[in-house]
Amino acid sequence: MLVLLAMVTLLATPVWCVAIVVKLVSLALPGRRPGRARQLRWFAAMTAAGALGLYLMAAGAVAYNVHDTRSGADSSPAHACRDGFPRDTVEHLVGHRASYVPPRFDCVRDDGTTYPSSGTYAWWNLLTVGFAVVAAGLAAAARYVRARRPSAQARDSGPSEAPVGGTSGTAGAQGSGARESGT
């Protein structure tokens, strides 16, 4: 199932990239733009989608490697642990360890030590965490901008409005002083 989700994510990645580029171009062009908070929420959602896509691709690669170790006569030790490694390393392989949180596929030697089957899992995990942190930061910035907007509008419109009762306190004091001197 994870392999299928990884394939769908891999096919959806160009669409995601095009959506980001179109949004950036639309922001650069003159014309009506949505509010800043809305833009930040959109970018936060797209960054979170990127983090989820990276995680699904990494987990799909782990699931594929696990499936590969259980299929066929030449399946053990895993191809991911044999291909591209020195002969003396491959001769001492006894198994593998798969993890989905964080995604990784480690090869186990007969002395109990492990080594990663591929360096790409480290990159996927690093990028996934990076995208997730950026998405959280953008979401917090959108919340801050949205919370700040009503107070900024109230501050801007507050002093310019006249009281409903007619005159302000200073004008009323002048008027009562004029009445006192006139009596």
C-alpha atoms as a PDB file:
ATOM      1  CA  MET A   1       0.000   0.000   0.000  1.00  0.00           C
ATOM      2  CA  LEU A   2       2.815   2.424   0.861  1.00  0.00           C
ATOM      3  CA  VAL A   3       4.513   1.649  -2.429  1.00  0.00           C
ATOM      4  CA  LEU A   4       1.357   2.673  -4.299  1.00  0.00           C
ATOM      5  CA  LEU A   5       1.065   5.871  -2.264  1.00  0.00           C
ATOM      6  CA  ALA A   6       4.712   6.610  -2.998  1.00  0.00           C
ATOM      7  CA  MET A   7       4.108   6.136  -6.728  1.00  0.00           C
ATOM      8  CA  VAL A   8       1.080   8.451  -6.658  1.00  0.00           C
ATOM      9  CA  THR A   9       3.114  11.012  -4.744  1.00  0.00           C
ATOM     10  CA  LEU A  10       5.939  10.721  -7.237  1.00  0.00           C
ATOM     11  CA  LEU A  11       3.494  11.336 -10.092  1.00  0.00           C
ATOM     12  CA  ALA A  12       1.851  14.264  -8.232  1.00  0.00           C
ATOM     13  CA  THR A  13       5.157  16.020  -7.518  1.00  0.00           C
ATOM     14  CA  PRO A  14       5.296  17.859 -10.892  1.00  0.00           C
ATOM     15  CA  VAL A  15       1.756  19.148 -10.334  1.00  0.00           C
ATOM     16  CA  TRP A  16       2.775  20.386  -6.878  1.00  0.00           C
ATOM     17  CA  CYS A  17       5.810  22.161  -8.356  1.00  0.00           C
ATOM     18  CA  VAL A  18       3.701  23.806 -11.074  1.00  0.00           C
ATOM     19  CA  ALA A  19       1.184  25.015  -8.451  1.00  0.00           C
ATOM     20  CA  ILE A  20       3.977  26.629  -6.427  1.00  0.00           C
ATOM     21  CA  VAL A  21       5.473  28.333  -9.496  1.00  0.00           C
ATOM     22  CA  VAL A  22       2.062  29.612 -10.665  1.00  0.00           C
ATOM     23  CA  LYS A  23       1.327  31.020  -7.198  1.00  0.00           C
ATOM     24  CA  LEU A  24       4.694  32.771  -7.040  1.00  0.00           C
ATOM     25  CA  VAL A  25       4.191  34.258 -10.507  1.00  0.00           C
ATOM     26  CA  SER A  26       0.678  35.435  -9.592  1.00  0.00           C
ATOM     27  CA  LEU A  27       2.089  37.189  -6.535  1.00  0.00           C
ATOM     28  CA  ALA A  28       4.724  38.924  -8.658  1.00  0.00           C
ATOM     29  CA  LEU A  29       2.205  40.229 -11.196  1.00  0.00           C
ATOM     30  CA  PRO A  30       0.240  43.409 -10.468  1.00  0.00           C
ATOM     31  CA  GLY A  31      -3.419  43.123  -9.603  1.00  0.00           C
ATOM     32  CA  ARG A  32      -5.702  42.133  -6.774  1.00  0.00           C
ATOM     33  CA  ARG A  33      -4.116  39.804  -4.256  1.00  0.00           C
ATOM     34  CA  PRO A  34      -5.689  37.974  -1.368  1.00  0.00           C
ATOM     35  CA  GLY A  35      -4.742  38.975   2.169  1.00  0.00           C
ATOM     36  CA  ARG A  36      -1.355  38.198   3.596  1.00  0.00           C
ATOM     37  CA  ALA A  37      -2.753  35.664   6.086  1.00  0.00           C
ATOM     38  CA  ARG A  38      -4.489  33.767   3.284  1.00  0.00           C
ATOM     39  CA  GLN A  39      -1.276  33.611   1.260  1.00  0.00           C
ATOM     40  CA  LEU A  40       0.674  32.357   4.280  1.00  0.00           C
ATOM     41  CA  ARG A  41      -1.953  29.671   4.961  1.00  0.00           C
ATOM     42  CA  TRP A  42      -1.774  28.527   1.322  1.00  0.00           C
ATOM     43  CA  PHE A  43       2.015  28.267   1.406  1.00  0.00           C
ATOM     44  CA  ALA A  44       1.842  26.488   4.787  1.00  0.00           C
ATOM     45  CA  ALA A  45      -0.585  23.944   3.332  1.00  0.00           C
ATOM     46  CA  MET A  46       1.581  23.385   0.250  1.00  0.00           C
ATOM     47  CA  THR A  47       4.719  23.010   2.379  1.00  0.00           C
ATOM     48  CA  ALA A  48       2.925  20.503   4.622  1.00  0.00           C
ATOM     49  CA  ALA A  49       1.835  18.633   1.493  1.00  0.00           C
ATOM     50  CA  GLY A  50       5.479  18.587   0.399  1.00  0.00           C
ATOM     51  CA  ALA A  51       6.540  17.150   3.769  1.00  0.00           C
ATOM     52  CA  LEU A  52       3.851  14.481   3.545  1.00  0.00           C
ATOM     53  CA  GLY A  53       4.887  13.646  -0.029  1.00  0.00           C
ATOM     54  CA  LEU A  54       8.535  13.269   0.962  1.00  0.00           C
ATOM     55  CA  TYR A  55       7.583  11.026   3.872  1.00  0.00           C
ATOM     56  CA  LEU A  56       5.384   8.861   1.643  1.00  0.00           C
ATOM     57  CA  MET A  57       8.155   8.465  -0.927  1.00  0.00           C
ATOM     58  CA  ALA A  58      10.653   7.424   1.770  1.00  0.00           C
ATOM     59  CA  ALA A  59       8.184   5.036   3.441  1.00  0.00           C
ATOM     60  CA  GLY A  60       7.307   3.600   0.021  1.00  0.00           C
ATOM     61  CA  ALA A  61      10.992   2.951  -0.669  1.00  0.00           C
ATOM     62  CA  VAL A  62      11.263   1.129   2.679  1.00  0.00           C
ATOM     63  CA  ALA A  63       8.155  -0.927   1.884  1.00  0.00           C
ATOM     64  CA  TYR A  64       9.561  -1.771  -1.550  1.00  0.00           C
ATOM     65  CA  ASN A  65      12.854  -2.946  -0.038  1.00  0.00           C
ATOM     66  CA  VAL A  66      11.023  -5.052   2.568  1.00  0.00           C
ATOM     67  CA  HIS A  67       8.891  -6.616  -0.165  1.00  0.00           C
ATOM     68  CA  ASP A  68      11.990  -7.237  -2.273  1.00  0.00           C
ATOM     69  CA  THR A  69      13.609  -9.242   0.546  1.00  0.00           C
ATOM     70  CA  ARG A  70      10.623 -11.612   0.664  1.00  0.00           C
ATOM     71  CA  SER A  71      10.264 -12.273  -3.046  1.00  0.00           C
ATOM     72  CA  GLY A  72      12.223 -14.765  -5.094  1.00  0.00           C
ATOM     73  CA  ALA A  73      15.248 -16.975  -4.788  1.00  0.00           C
ATOM     74  CA  ASP A  74      17.812 -14.144  -4.877  1.00  0.00           C
ATOM     75  CA  SER A  75      16.080 -12.020  -2.268  1.00  0.00           C
ATOM     76  CA  SER A  76      18.203 -12.481   0.845  1.00  0.00           C
ATOM     77  CA  PRO A  77      20.209 -10.560   1.815  1.00  0.00           C
ATOM     78  CA  ALA A  78      18.372  -7.538   0.469  1.00  0.00           C
ATOM     79  CA  HIS A  79      19.459  -6.081  -2.861  1.00  0.00           C
ATOM     80  CA  ALA A  80      19.566  -2.668  -1.197  1.00  0.00           C
ATOM     81  CA  CYS A  81      22.243  -4.038   1.149  1.00  0.00           C
ATOM     82  CA  ARG A  82      24.271  -5.803  -1.563  1.00  0.00           C
ATOM     83  CA  ASP A  83      24.261  -3.500  -4.560  1.00  0.00           C
ATOM     84  CA  GLY A  84      27.127  -1.026  -4.558  1.00  0.00           C
ATOM     85  CA  PHE A  85      28.848  -2.267  -1.390  1.00  0.00           C
ATOM     86  CA  PRO A  86      32.271  -3.961  -1.076  1.00  0.00           C
ATOM     87  CA  ARG A  87      32.406  -7.748  -1.235  1.00  0.00           C
ATOM     88  CA  ASP A  88      33.708  -8.176   2.335  1.00  0.00           C
ATOM     89  CA  THR A  89      30.748  -6.163   3.663  1.00  0.00           C
ATOM     90  CA  VAL A  90      28.222  -8.213   1.699  1.00  0.00           C
ATOM     91  CA  GLU A  91      29.720 -11.552   2.838  1.00  0.00           C
ATOM     92  CA  HIS A  92      28.920 -10.747   6.493  1.00  0.00           C
ATOM     93  CA  LEU A  93      25.281  -9.763   5.983  1.00  0.00           C
ATOM     94  CA  VAL A  94      22.683 -11.679   7.976  1.00  0.00           C
ATOM     95  CA  GLY A  95      19.562  -9.536   7.667  1.00  0.00           C
ATOM     96  CA  HIS A  96      17.999  -6.107   7.665  1.00  0.00           C
ATOM     97  CA  ARG A  97      15.976  -3.755   9.868  1.00  0.00           C
ATOM     98  CA  ALA A  98      13.214  -1.626   8.460  1.00  0.00           C
ATOM     99  CA  SER A  99      11.716   1.399  10.154  1.00  0.00           C
ATOM    100  CA  TYR A 100       8.857   3.600   9.000  1.00  0.00           C
ATOM    101  CA  VAL A 101       9.263   6.310  11.667  1.00  0.00           C
ATOM    102  CA  PRO A 102      11.698   7.651  10.600  1.00  0.00           C
ATOM    103  CA  PRO A 103      11.892   5.836   7.275  1.00  0.00           C
ATOM    104  CA  ARG A 104      15.105   3.838   7.012  1.00  0.00           C
ATOM    105  CA  PHE A 105      16.342   0.476   5.846  1.00  0.00           C
ATOM    106  CA  ASP A 106      19.449  -0.754   7.673  1.00  0.00           C
ATOM    107  CA  CYS A 107      21.578  -3.785   6.856  1.00  0.00           C
ATOM    108  CA  VAL A 108      22.647  -6.066   9.728  1.00  0.00           C
ATOM    109  CA  ARG A 109      26.057  -7.812   9.798  1.00  0.00           C
ATOM    110  CA  ASP A 110      26.850 -11.051  11.599  1.00  0.00           C
ATOM    111  CA  ASP A 111      28.601  -9.135  14.429  1.00  0.00           C
ATOM    112  CA  GLY A 112      25.404  -7.149  15.133  1.00  0.00           C
ATOM    113  CA  THR A 113      26.514  -3.844  13.619  1.00  0.00           C
ATOM    114  CA  THR A 114      24.351  -2.081  11.088  1.00  0.00           C
ATOM    115  CA  TYR A 115      24.884   0.278   8.194  1.00  0.00           C
ATOM    116  CA  PRO A 116      22.371   2.234   6.124  1.00  0.00           C
ATOM    117  CA  SER A 117      21.409   0.687   2.823  1.00  0.00           C
ATOM    118  CA  SER A 118      21.253   4.086   1.184  1.00  0.00           C
ATOM    119  CA  GLY A 119      22.092   7.680   2.033  1.00  0.00           C
ATOM    120  CA  THR A 120      18.880   8.861   0.423  1.00  0.00           C
ATOM    121  CA  TYR A 121      16.855   8.040   3.540  1.00  0.00           C
ATOM    122  CA  ALA A 122      18.876  10.571   5.516  1.00  0.00           C
ATOM    123  CA  TRP A 123      18.138  13.224   2.880  1.00  0.00           C
ATOM    124  CA  TRP A 124      14.445  12.349   2.733  1.00  0.00           C
ATOM    125  CA  ASN A 125      14.174  12.516   6.509  1.00  0.00           C
ATOM    126  CA  LEU A 126      16.065  15.811   6.684  1.00  0.00           C
ATOM    127  CA  LEU A 127      13.920  17.387   3.952  1.00  0.00           C
ATOM    128  CA  THR A 128      10.710  16.058   5.532  1.00  0.00           C
ATOM    129  CA  VAL A 129      11.584  17.604   8.887  1.00  0.00           C
ATOM    130  CA  GLY A 130      12.660  20.827   7.176  1.00  0.00           C
ATOM    131  CA  PHE A 131       9.416  21.107   5.240  1.00  0.00           C
ATOM    132  CA  ALA A 132       7.387  20.341   8.379  1.00  0.00           C
ATOM    133  CA  VAL A 133       9.202  23.041  10.379  1.00  0.00           C
ATOM    134  CA  VAL A 134       8.716  25.597   7.594  1.00  0.00           C
ATOM    135  CA  ALA A 135       5.013  24.660   7.340  1.00  0.00           C
ATOM    136  CA  ALA A 136       4.577  25.131  11.088  1.00  0.00           C
ATOM    137  CA  GLY A 137       6.371  28.482  10.916  1.00  0.00           C
ATOM    138  CA  LEU A 138       4.195  29.661   8.038  1.00  0.00           C
ATOM    139  CA  ALA A 139       1.035  28.552   9.846  1.00  0.00           C
ATOM    140  CA  ALA A 140       2.128  30.428  12.984  1.00  0.00           C
ATOM    141  CA  ALA A 141       2.916  33.520  10.906  1.00  0.00           C
ATOM    142  CA  ALA A 142      -0.519  33.330   9.259  1.00  0.00           C
ATOM    143  CA  ARG A 143      -2.178  33.082  12.674  1.00  0.00           C
ATOM    144  CA  TYR A 144      -0.137  36.040  13.922  1.00  0.00           C
ATOM    145  CA  VAL A 145      -1.008  38.170  10.880  1.00  0.00           C
ATOM    146  CA  ARG A 146      -4.681  37.276  11.167  1.00  0.00           C
ATOM    147  CA  ALA A 147      -4.798  38.022  14.901  1.00  0.00           C
ATOM    148  CA  ARG A 148      -2.986  41.302  14.440  1.00  0.00           C
ATOM    149  CA  ARG A 149      -5.179  42.566  11.592  1.00  0.00           C
ATOM    150  CA  PRO A 150      -8.321  43.476  13.610  1.00  0.00           C
ATOM    151  CA  SER A 151      -6.292  45.290  16.285  1.00  0.00           C
ATOM    152  CA  ALA A 152      -4.451  47.271  13.611  1.00  0.00           C
ATOM    153  CA  GLN A 153      -7.750  48.287  12.004  1.00  0.00           C
ATOM    154  CA  ALA A 154      -9.180  49.342  15.361  1.00  0.00           C
ATOM    155  CA  ARG A 155      -6.042  51.369  16.142  1.00  0.00           C
ATOM    156  CA  ASP A 156      -6.151  53.066  12.738  1.00  0.00           C
ATOM    157  CA  SER A 157      -9.858  53.938  12.902  1.00  0.00           C
ATOM    158  CA  GLY A 158     -10.022  54.751  16.649  1.00  0.00           C
ATOM    159  CA  PRO A 159      -8.773  58.398  16.898  1.00  0.00           C
ATOM    160  CA  SER A 160     -10.404  59.601  13.686  1.00  0.00           C
ATOM    161  CA  GLU A 161     -13.949  58.797  14.800  1.00  0.00           C
ATOM    162  CA  ALA A 162     -15.983  61.485  16.570  1.00  0.00           C
ATOM    163  CA  PRO A 163     -17.978  60.555  19.688  1.00  0.00           C
ATOM    164  CA  VAL A 164     -21.646  59.893  19.138  1.00  0.00           C
ATOM    165  CA  GLY A 165     -22.837  62.493  21.698  1.00  0.00           C
ATOM    166  CA  GLY A 166     -21.759  65.500  19.648  1.00  0.00           C
ATOM    167  CA  THR A 167     -18.790  67.481  20.969  1.00  0.00           C
ATOM    168  CA  SER A 168     -15.560  66.237  22.344  1.00  0.00           C
ATOM    169  CA  GLY A 169     -14.434  66.925  25.926  1.00  0.00           C
ATOM    170  CA  THR A 170     -12.298  69.955  25.001  1.00  0.00           C
ATOM    171  CA  ALA A 171     -15.006  71.681  22.978  1.00  0.00           C
ATOM    172  CA  GLY A 172     -17.526  71.092  25.775  1.00  0.00           C
ATOM    173  CA  ALA A 173     -15.208  72.708  28.299  1.00  0.00           C
ATOM    174  CA  GLN A 174     -14.796  75.738  26.069  1.00  0.00           C
ATOM    175  CA  GLY A 175     -18.530  75.975  25.575  1.00  0.00           C
ATOM    176  CA  SER A 176     -19.303  75.818  29.304  1.00  0.00           C
ATOM    177  CA  GLY A 177     -16.642  78.440  29.988  1.00  0.00           C
ATOM    178  CA  ALA A 178     -18.240  80.734  27.410  1.00  0.00           C
ATOM    179  CA  ARG A 179     -21.627  80.277  29.073  1.00  0.00           C
ATOM    180  CA  GLU A 180     -20.228  81.084  32.471  1.00  0.00           C
ATOM    181  CA  SER A 181     -18.618  84.280  31.273  1.00  0.00           C
ATOM    182  CA  GLY A 182     -21.787  85.274  29.486  1.00  0.00           C
ATOM    183  CA  THR A 183     -23.979  85.004  32.579  1.00  0.00           C
END
